[in-house]
N, C-alpha and C. Protein backbone atom coordinates (compact mmCIF):
# COMPACT_ATOMS: atom_id res chain seq x y z
N MET A 1 173.23 124.55 -25.61
CA MET A 1 173.88 124.94 -27.09
C MET A 1 173.64 126.33 -26.37
N SER A 2 174.71 126.76 -27.37
CA SER A 2 175.03 128.55 -27.61
C SER A 2 174.92 128.85 -28.99
N ASP A 3 174.65 129.78 -29.68
CA ASP A 3 174.71 130.46 -30.86
C ASP A 3 176.47 130.55 -30.78
N ASP A 4 177.25 130.66 -30.03
CA ASP A 4 178.70 131.08 -29.96
C ASP A 4 179.28 130.00 -30.44
N TYR A 5 178.91 128.34 -29.46
CA TYR A 5 179.89 127.67 -29.59
C TYR A 5 178.58 126.13 -29.65
N THR A 6 179.29 124.93 -30.13
CA THR A 6 178.21 123.56 -29.72
C THR A 6 179.46 122.86 -29.00
N SER A 7 178.86 122.01 -28.12
CA SER A 7 179.76 120.88 -27.51
C SER A 7 179.08 119.43 -27.50
N VAL A 8 179.84 118.28 -27.11
CA VAL A 8 178.83 116.92 -27.56
C VAL A 8 179.64 116.28 -27.03
N ALA A 9 179.12 115.34 -26.28
CA ALA A 9 180.05 114.05 -25.41
C ALA A 9 180.21 113.16 -26.70
N GLU A 10 181.42 112.40 -26.65
CA GLU A 10 181.39 111.41 -27.34
C GLU A 10 180.59 110.89 -27.43
N ASP A 11 180.82 109.85 -26.60
CA ASP A 11 179.24 108.37 -26.25
C ASP A 11 177.77 108.87 -26.55
N ALA A 12 177.87 110.44 -27.40
CA ALA A 12 176.29 110.42 -26.90
C ALA A 12 175.89 110.89 -28.56
N VAL A 13 177.19 110.30 -29.72
CA VAL A 13 177.13 110.56 -30.88
C VAL A 13 177.56 108.97 -30.74
N GLU A 14 176.45 108.33 -31.49
CA GLU A 14 176.16 107.31 -32.43
C GLU A 14 177.05 106.77 -32.80
N LEU A 15 177.68 105.47 -32.70
CA LEU A 15 178.67 104.78 -33.46
C LEU A 15 177.78 103.86 -34.47
N ARG A 16 178.61 104.12 -35.95
CA ARG A 16 177.88 103.50 -36.73
C ARG A 16 178.63 102.80 -37.46
N GLU A 17 178.51 101.47 -37.82
CA GLU A 17 179.90 100.63 -38.44
C GLU A 17 179.63 100.48 -39.56
N ARG A 18 180.31 100.19 -40.75
CA ARG A 18 180.55 100.49 -42.36
C ARG A 18 179.28 99.50 -42.60
N ARG A 19 179.15 100.20 -43.70
CA ARG A 19 178.37 98.58 -44.78
C ARG A 19 179.29 97.45 -44.62
N GLY A 20 178.29 96.58 -44.58
CA GLY A 20 179.25 95.31 -44.56
C GLY A 20 180.09 94.68 -43.42
N GLY A 21 180.01 95.54 -42.54
CA GLY A 21 180.58 95.28 -41.49
C GLY A 21 182.29 95.92 -41.21
N GLY A 22 182.72 95.36 -40.18
CA GLY A 22 184.18 96.46 -39.75
C GLY A 22 184.55 98.10 -39.43
N ALA A 23 185.06 98.65 -39.11
CA ALA A 23 185.50 99.65 -38.23
C ALA A 23 184.24 100.36 -38.71
N GLY A 24 184.03 101.47 -37.16
CA GLY A 24 182.76 102.16 -36.77
C GLY A 24 183.11 103.31 -36.48
N SER A 25 182.40 104.42 -36.94
CA SER A 25 183.27 105.59 -36.69
C SER A 25 181.73 106.11 -35.91
N ARG A 26 182.02 107.93 -35.23
CA ARG A 26 181.46 108.20 -34.70
C ARG A 26 181.41 109.66 -35.81
N ASP A 27 180.03 110.41 -35.93
CA ASP A 27 179.98 111.21 -36.80
C ASP A 27 180.56 112.94 -36.08
N ILE A 28 181.46 113.12 -35.32
CA ILE A 28 181.82 114.35 -34.38
C ILE A 28 180.88 115.26 -35.06
N SER A 29 181.41 115.65 -36.27
CA SER A 29 181.36 117.13 -36.82
C SER A 29 179.90 117.23 -37.80
N GLY A 30 179.22 116.35 -37.63
CA GLY A 30 177.90 116.49 -38.07
C GLY A 30 176.73 117.03 -36.55
N ALA A 31 177.43 115.63 -35.61
CA ALA A 31 176.87 116.44 -34.31
C ALA A 31 176.85 117.79 -33.95
N LEU A 32 178.28 118.52 -34.25
CA LEU A 32 178.94 119.88 -33.80
C LEU A 32 178.40 120.88 -34.70
N GLY A 33 178.00 120.07 -36.00
CA GLY A 33 177.46 121.24 -36.78
C GLY A 33 178.57 121.92 -37.43
N THR A 34 179.87 121.23 -37.84
CA THR A 34 180.98 121.32 -38.61
C THR A 34 180.20 122.26 -40.06
N THR A 35 181.19 123.16 -40.63
CA THR A 35 180.85 123.27 -41.92
C THR A 35 181.98 123.40 -42.98
N GLU A 36 182.98 123.97 -42.40
CA GLU A 36 184.81 123.20 -42.92
C GLU A 36 185.86 123.08 -42.48
N MET A 37 184.99 121.50 -41.83
CA MET A 37 185.87 120.61 -41.85
C MET A 37 184.99 119.31 -41.07
N ALA A 38 185.43 118.11 -41.49
CA ALA A 38 184.94 116.73 -40.94
C ALA A 38 185.37 116.68 -39.90
N ILE A 39 185.50 116.16 -39.16
CA ILE A 39 185.58 115.22 -37.96
C ILE A 39 185.05 113.97 -37.37
N ARG A 40 185.95 112.80 -37.18
CA ARG A 40 185.37 111.21 -36.69
C ARG A 40 186.54 111.12 -35.91
N VAL A 41 185.19 110.10 -35.21
CA VAL A 41 186.17 109.14 -34.28
C VAL A 41 186.11 107.66 -34.94
N TRP A 42 186.89 107.03 -34.81
CA TRP A 42 186.90 105.69 -35.46
C TRP A 42 187.67 104.32 -34.70
N ARG A 43 186.95 103.80 -34.51
CA ARG A 43 187.62 102.52 -33.63
C ARG A 43 187.72 101.14 -34.65
N PHE A 44 188.52 100.61 -35.00
CA PHE A 44 189.31 99.65 -36.07
C PHE A 44 189.22 98.34 -34.71
N GLY A 45 188.47 97.58 -35.25
CA GLY A 45 188.29 96.15 -34.16
C GLY A 45 190.08 95.14 -35.19
N PRO A 46 190.50 94.58 -34.67
CA PRO A 46 191.24 93.21 -35.18
C PRO A 46 190.94 93.12 -36.22
N GLY A 47 191.72 93.09 -37.41
CA GLY A 47 191.92 92.76 -38.95
C GLY A 47 190.92 94.07 -39.65
N ASN A 48 190.26 95.30 -38.62
CA ASN A 48 189.58 96.01 -39.56
C ASN A 48 190.78 96.95 -40.54
N ALA A 49 189.81 97.48 -41.42
CA ALA A 49 191.01 98.35 -41.88
C ALA A 49 189.65 98.95 -43.17
N MET A 50 190.48 100.40 -43.02
CA MET A 50 189.40 101.71 -43.86
C MET A 50 189.81 101.30 -45.34
N ALA A 51 189.36 101.57 -46.33
CA ALA A 51 189.12 101.24 -47.68
C ALA A 51 190.40 102.39 -47.93
N TYR A 52 191.45 101.79 -49.04
CA TYR A 52 192.50 102.20 -49.41
C TYR A 52 191.31 104.02 -50.81
N HIS A 53 192.35 104.61 -50.64
CA HIS A 53 191.23 105.86 -50.63
C HIS A 53 192.32 107.17 -51.07
N ARG A 54 191.66 107.99 -51.72
CA ARG A 54 192.44 109.34 -51.40
C ARG A 54 191.09 110.66 -52.16
N HIS A 55 191.41 112.00 -51.62
CA HIS A 55 190.24 112.47 -51.56
C HIS A 55 190.12 113.99 -52.87
N ARG A 56 189.34 114.60 -52.99
CA ARG A 56 189.41 115.11 -54.29
C ARG A 56 189.78 116.97 -53.65
N ASN A 57 189.16 116.99 -52.59
CA ASN A 57 189.42 118.08 -51.86
C ASN A 57 190.14 118.10 -50.92
N GLN A 58 190.09 116.91 -49.77
CA GLN A 58 189.89 117.05 -48.12
C GLN A 58 191.73 116.67 -48.14
N GLU A 59 192.74 117.87 -47.02
CA GLU A 59 193.35 117.00 -46.62
C GLU A 59 192.52 117.00 -45.22
N GLU A 60 193.64 115.65 -44.72
CA GLU A 60 193.41 114.66 -43.67
C GLU A 60 194.04 114.50 -42.89
N VAL A 61 194.05 114.94 -41.50
CA VAL A 61 194.82 114.77 -40.44
C VAL A 61 194.50 113.23 -39.11
N TYR A 62 195.51 112.23 -39.64
CA TYR A 62 195.05 111.14 -38.29
C TYR A 62 195.60 111.08 -37.20
N HIS A 63 195.02 110.98 -35.75
CA HIS A 63 195.78 110.54 -34.59
C HIS A 63 195.28 109.51 -33.93
N LEU A 64 196.21 108.68 -33.19
CA LEU A 64 196.11 107.47 -32.87
C LEU A 64 195.64 107.75 -31.39
N THR A 65 194.85 107.59 -30.41
CA THR A 65 193.96 107.87 -29.60
C THR A 65 194.40 106.63 -28.52
N SER A 66 194.63 105.28 -29.28
CA SER A 66 194.98 104.15 -28.79
C SER A 66 194.63 103.14 -29.46
N GLY A 67 195.28 102.03 -29.01
CA GLY A 67 195.74 100.50 -29.60
C GLY A 67 196.90 100.66 -30.18
N GLY A 68 197.98 101.64 -30.45
CA GLY A 68 198.65 101.65 -30.69
C GLY A 68 199.81 100.51 -30.84
N PRO A 69 200.88 100.17 -30.82
CA PRO A 69 201.44 100.31 -32.74
C PRO A 69 199.96 100.11 -33.62
N GLN A 70 199.87 101.08 -34.76
CA GLN A 70 199.02 100.49 -36.25
C GLN A 70 199.68 101.06 -37.30
N THR A 71 199.56 100.63 -38.34
CA THR A 71 199.77 100.53 -39.30
C THR A 71 198.73 101.65 -40.43
N VAL A 72 199.90 102.68 -41.20
CA VAL A 72 198.72 103.62 -42.35
C VAL A 72 199.65 103.07 -43.78
N GLN A 73 199.04 102.81 -44.31
CA GLN A 73 199.40 102.47 -45.82
C GLN A 73 199.47 103.80 -46.42
N ILE A 74 200.12 104.55 -46.67
CA ILE A 74 200.53 105.87 -47.56
C ILE A 74 201.23 105.89 -48.98
N GLY A 75 200.46 106.05 -50.11
CA GLY A 75 200.46 105.17 -51.50
C GLY A 75 201.22 103.66 -51.52
N SER A 76 202.55 103.69 -51.45
CA SER A 76 203.03 102.14 -51.61
C SER A 76 203.63 101.99 -50.31
N GLU A 77 204.08 102.79 -49.24
CA GLU A 77 204.79 102.99 -47.99
C GLU A 77 204.19 102.77 -46.87
N GLU A 78 204.07 101.72 -45.75
CA GLU A 78 203.38 101.58 -44.80
C GLU A 78 204.59 102.17 -43.53
N ILE A 79 203.70 102.76 -42.90
CA ILE A 79 204.18 103.55 -41.50
C ILE A 79 203.66 102.89 -40.41
N THR A 80 203.99 102.86 -39.38
CA THR A 80 203.61 102.98 -37.74
C THR A 80 203.57 103.76 -37.07
N VAL A 81 202.34 104.17 -36.28
CA VAL A 81 202.30 104.60 -35.62
C VAL A 81 201.72 104.14 -34.21
N ASN A 82 202.04 105.19 -33.74
CA ASN A 82 201.91 104.49 -32.09
C ASN A 82 201.07 106.03 -31.65
N ASP A 83 200.63 105.36 -30.16
CA ASP A 83 199.70 106.47 -29.51
C ASP A 83 199.90 107.82 -29.30
N GLY A 84 199.32 108.93 -29.41
CA GLY A 84 199.85 109.73 -29.51
C GLY A 84 200.30 110.15 -30.83
N ASP A 85 200.67 109.80 -31.81
CA ASP A 85 201.24 110.53 -32.97
C ASP A 85 200.13 111.17 -33.83
N TRP A 86 200.35 111.91 -34.90
CA TRP A 86 200.00 112.25 -35.79
C TRP A 86 199.79 112.50 -36.83
N VAL A 87 199.40 112.28 -38.00
CA VAL A 87 200.06 111.96 -39.53
C VAL A 87 199.04 112.59 -40.33
N ARG A 88 199.42 113.40 -41.39
CA ARG A 88 198.47 114.31 -41.83
C ARG A 88 198.80 113.78 -43.46
N VAL A 89 197.73 113.90 -44.62
CA VAL A 89 197.92 112.99 -45.90
C VAL A 89 197.27 114.64 -46.74
N PRO A 90 197.63 114.97 -47.86
CA PRO A 90 197.46 115.90 -48.79
C PRO A 90 196.48 114.83 -49.41
N LYS A 91 195.71 115.73 -50.06
CA LYS A 91 194.11 115.46 -50.52
C LYS A 91 194.71 114.17 -51.91
N ASP A 92 195.43 114.13 -52.49
CA ASP A 92 195.36 113.59 -53.90
C ASP A 92 196.32 112.22 -53.66
N THR A 93 196.45 111.69 -51.94
CA THR A 93 197.76 111.26 -51.23
C THR A 93 196.93 109.86 -51.06
N ALA A 94 196.87 108.46 -51.34
CA ALA A 94 196.49 106.96 -51.43
C ALA A 94 196.60 106.95 -49.63
N ARG A 95 195.92 106.71 -49.01
CA ARG A 95 196.05 106.40 -47.53
C ARG A 95 195.14 105.27 -47.65
N ARG A 96 195.37 104.81 -46.24
CA ARG A 96 194.56 103.61 -45.44
C ARG A 96 194.63 103.14 -44.20
N ILE A 97 194.03 102.66 -42.95
CA ILE A 97 194.64 102.61 -42.02
C ILE A 97 194.12 101.15 -42.18
N VAL A 98 195.29 100.10 -41.21
CA VAL A 98 195.01 98.77 -41.23
C VAL A 98 195.28 98.47 -39.79
N ASN A 99 194.29 97.80 -39.40
CA ASN A 99 194.67 97.36 -37.90
C ASN A 99 194.79 95.86 -38.18
N SER A 100 195.97 95.44 -37.79
CA SER A 100 196.46 93.86 -38.14
C SER A 100 197.26 93.38 -36.69
N THR A 101 196.61 94.01 -35.48
CA THR A 101 196.68 93.86 -34.64
C THR A 101 195.81 92.72 -33.77
N ASP A 102 195.71 92.32 -32.49
CA ASP A 102 194.60 91.99 -32.35
C ASP A 102 193.86 92.70 -31.06
N ARG A 103 193.98 93.95 -31.16
CA ARG A 103 193.13 95.00 -30.04
C ARG A 103 192.90 96.25 -30.83
N ASP A 104 191.31 96.13 -30.30
CA ASP A 104 191.07 97.56 -30.70
C ASP A 104 191.88 98.64 -30.97
N ALA A 105 191.57 99.57 -31.89
CA ALA A 105 192.55 100.56 -32.60
C ALA A 105 191.33 102.12 -32.71
N VAL A 106 191.66 103.20 -32.09
CA VAL A 106 190.54 104.17 -31.97
C VAL A 106 191.74 105.48 -33.04
N TRP A 107 190.86 105.77 -33.41
CA TRP A 107 191.63 107.02 -34.05
C TRP A 107 190.85 108.40 -34.25
N LEU A 108 191.38 109.51 -34.23
CA LEU A 108 190.49 110.68 -34.54
C LEU A 108 190.98 111.21 -36.26
N THR A 109 190.19 111.79 -36.83
CA THR A 109 190.55 111.87 -38.05
C THR A 109 189.59 113.40 -38.44
N ILE A 110 190.73 114.31 -39.09
CA ILE A 110 190.23 115.34 -39.14
C ILE A 110 190.23 115.87 -40.42
N GLY A 111 189.30 116.19 -41.47
CA GLY A 111 189.75 116.57 -42.73
C GLY A 111 189.30 118.15 -43.13
N ALA A 112 190.00 118.64 -44.00
CA ALA A 112 189.36 120.13 -44.45
C ALA A 112 189.83 119.90 -45.48
N PRO A 113 189.12 121.15 -46.80
CA PRO A 113 188.28 121.21 -46.31
C PRO A 113 186.80 120.45 -46.15
N PHE A 114 185.60 120.71 -45.84
CA PHE A 114 184.57 119.72 -45.83
C PHE A 114 184.51 118.64 -47.03
N GLY A 115 184.80 119.75 -47.98
CA GLY A 115 185.10 118.21 -49.46
C GLY A 115 183.21 118.54 -49.52
N GLU A 116 183.44 117.37 -50.41
CA GLU A 116 181.69 117.10 -50.97
C GLU A 116 181.31 115.96 -50.22
N GLY A 117 181.77 115.44 -48.77
CA GLY A 117 180.94 114.68 -48.26
C GLY A 117 181.36 113.74 -48.55
N ILE A 118 180.84 112.53 -48.70
CA ILE A 118 181.39 111.08 -48.34
C ILE A 118 181.63 111.18 -50.47
N MET A 119 181.04 111.97 -50.93
CA MET A 119 181.23 111.91 -52.11
C MET A 119 183.03 112.30 -52.53
N ASP A 120 184.02 113.17 -51.81
CA ASP A 120 184.84 113.57 -51.53
C ASP A 120 185.91 112.17 -52.21
N GLY A 121 185.42 111.20 -51.34
CA GLY A 121 186.82 110.57 -51.20
C GLY A 121 186.54 109.77 -52.17
N ILE A 122 187.62 108.87 -53.58
CA ILE A 122 187.80 107.90 -54.36
C ILE A 122 188.92 106.97 -53.59
N ARG A 123 187.64 106.09 -54.36
CA ARG A 123 188.29 104.43 -53.46
C ARG A 123 189.05 104.02 -54.76
N LEU A 124 190.18 103.50 -54.03
CA LEU A 124 190.92 102.96 -55.08
C LEU A 124 191.45 101.36 -54.65
N ASP A 125 191.74 100.60 -56.17
CA ASP A 125 192.30 99.27 -55.74
C ASP A 125 193.59 99.56 -55.21
N PRO A 126 193.65 98.72 -54.12
CA PRO A 126 194.76 98.74 -53.24
C PRO A 126 196.60 97.94 -54.18
N GLU A 127 195.69 97.53 -54.86
CA GLU A 127 196.82 96.55 -56.02
C GLU A 127 197.59 97.33 -57.26
N THR A 128 196.40 98.12 -57.61
CA THR A 128 196.89 98.48 -58.74
C THR A 128 196.46 100.25 -59.05
N GLY A 129 196.15 100.49 -57.76
CA GLY A 129 195.97 101.78 -57.59
C GLY A 129 195.18 102.84 -58.59
N GLU A 130 194.14 101.82 -59.10
CA GLU A 130 193.19 102.20 -60.15
C GLU A 130 191.82 102.52 -59.26
N GLU A 131 191.11 104.03 -59.68
CA GLU A 131 189.92 104.24 -59.10
C GLU A 131 188.97 102.93 -59.11
N ILE A 132 187.72 102.66 -58.13
CA ILE A 132 187.21 101.91 -58.65
C ILE A 132 185.48 102.64 -58.52
N PRO A 133 185.06 102.50 -59.46
CA PRO A 133 183.67 103.55 -59.52
C PRO A 133 182.64 103.18 -58.09
N ARG A 134 181.90 104.12 -58.22
CA ARG A 134 180.93 104.00 -57.54
C ARG A 134 179.41 103.52 -58.01
N ALA A 135 179.45 102.42 -56.89
CA ALA A 135 178.21 101.45 -57.09
C ALA A 135 176.86 102.09 -56.92
């Protein structure tokens, strides 16, 4: 490592499954030590879905690297995303990735500003859009 940059191989970063199972992710920003943006590589197996959520401070960009086409729910709209496509979602807009296919999907997500870490995300009920309090 240098004082001028950090470098990490993706497979050197632990793949962590979400509590209760489902999609797993690699915390690339943690491995690199970023302070201004959050970077994760997500692996969604068939039937996996991200929690329906919005952010207090963080704008996010999603990039589907493989497994497409896939679906992203943005507000009440579902959009189809193909391999290589990019999607930007403003901080207050509800969103979630849904893998309704029979194949794995790999997504790169970048969020900025870094926000309040995990507390920056606000889970929402997908049916009503109401905030789900943290337990």
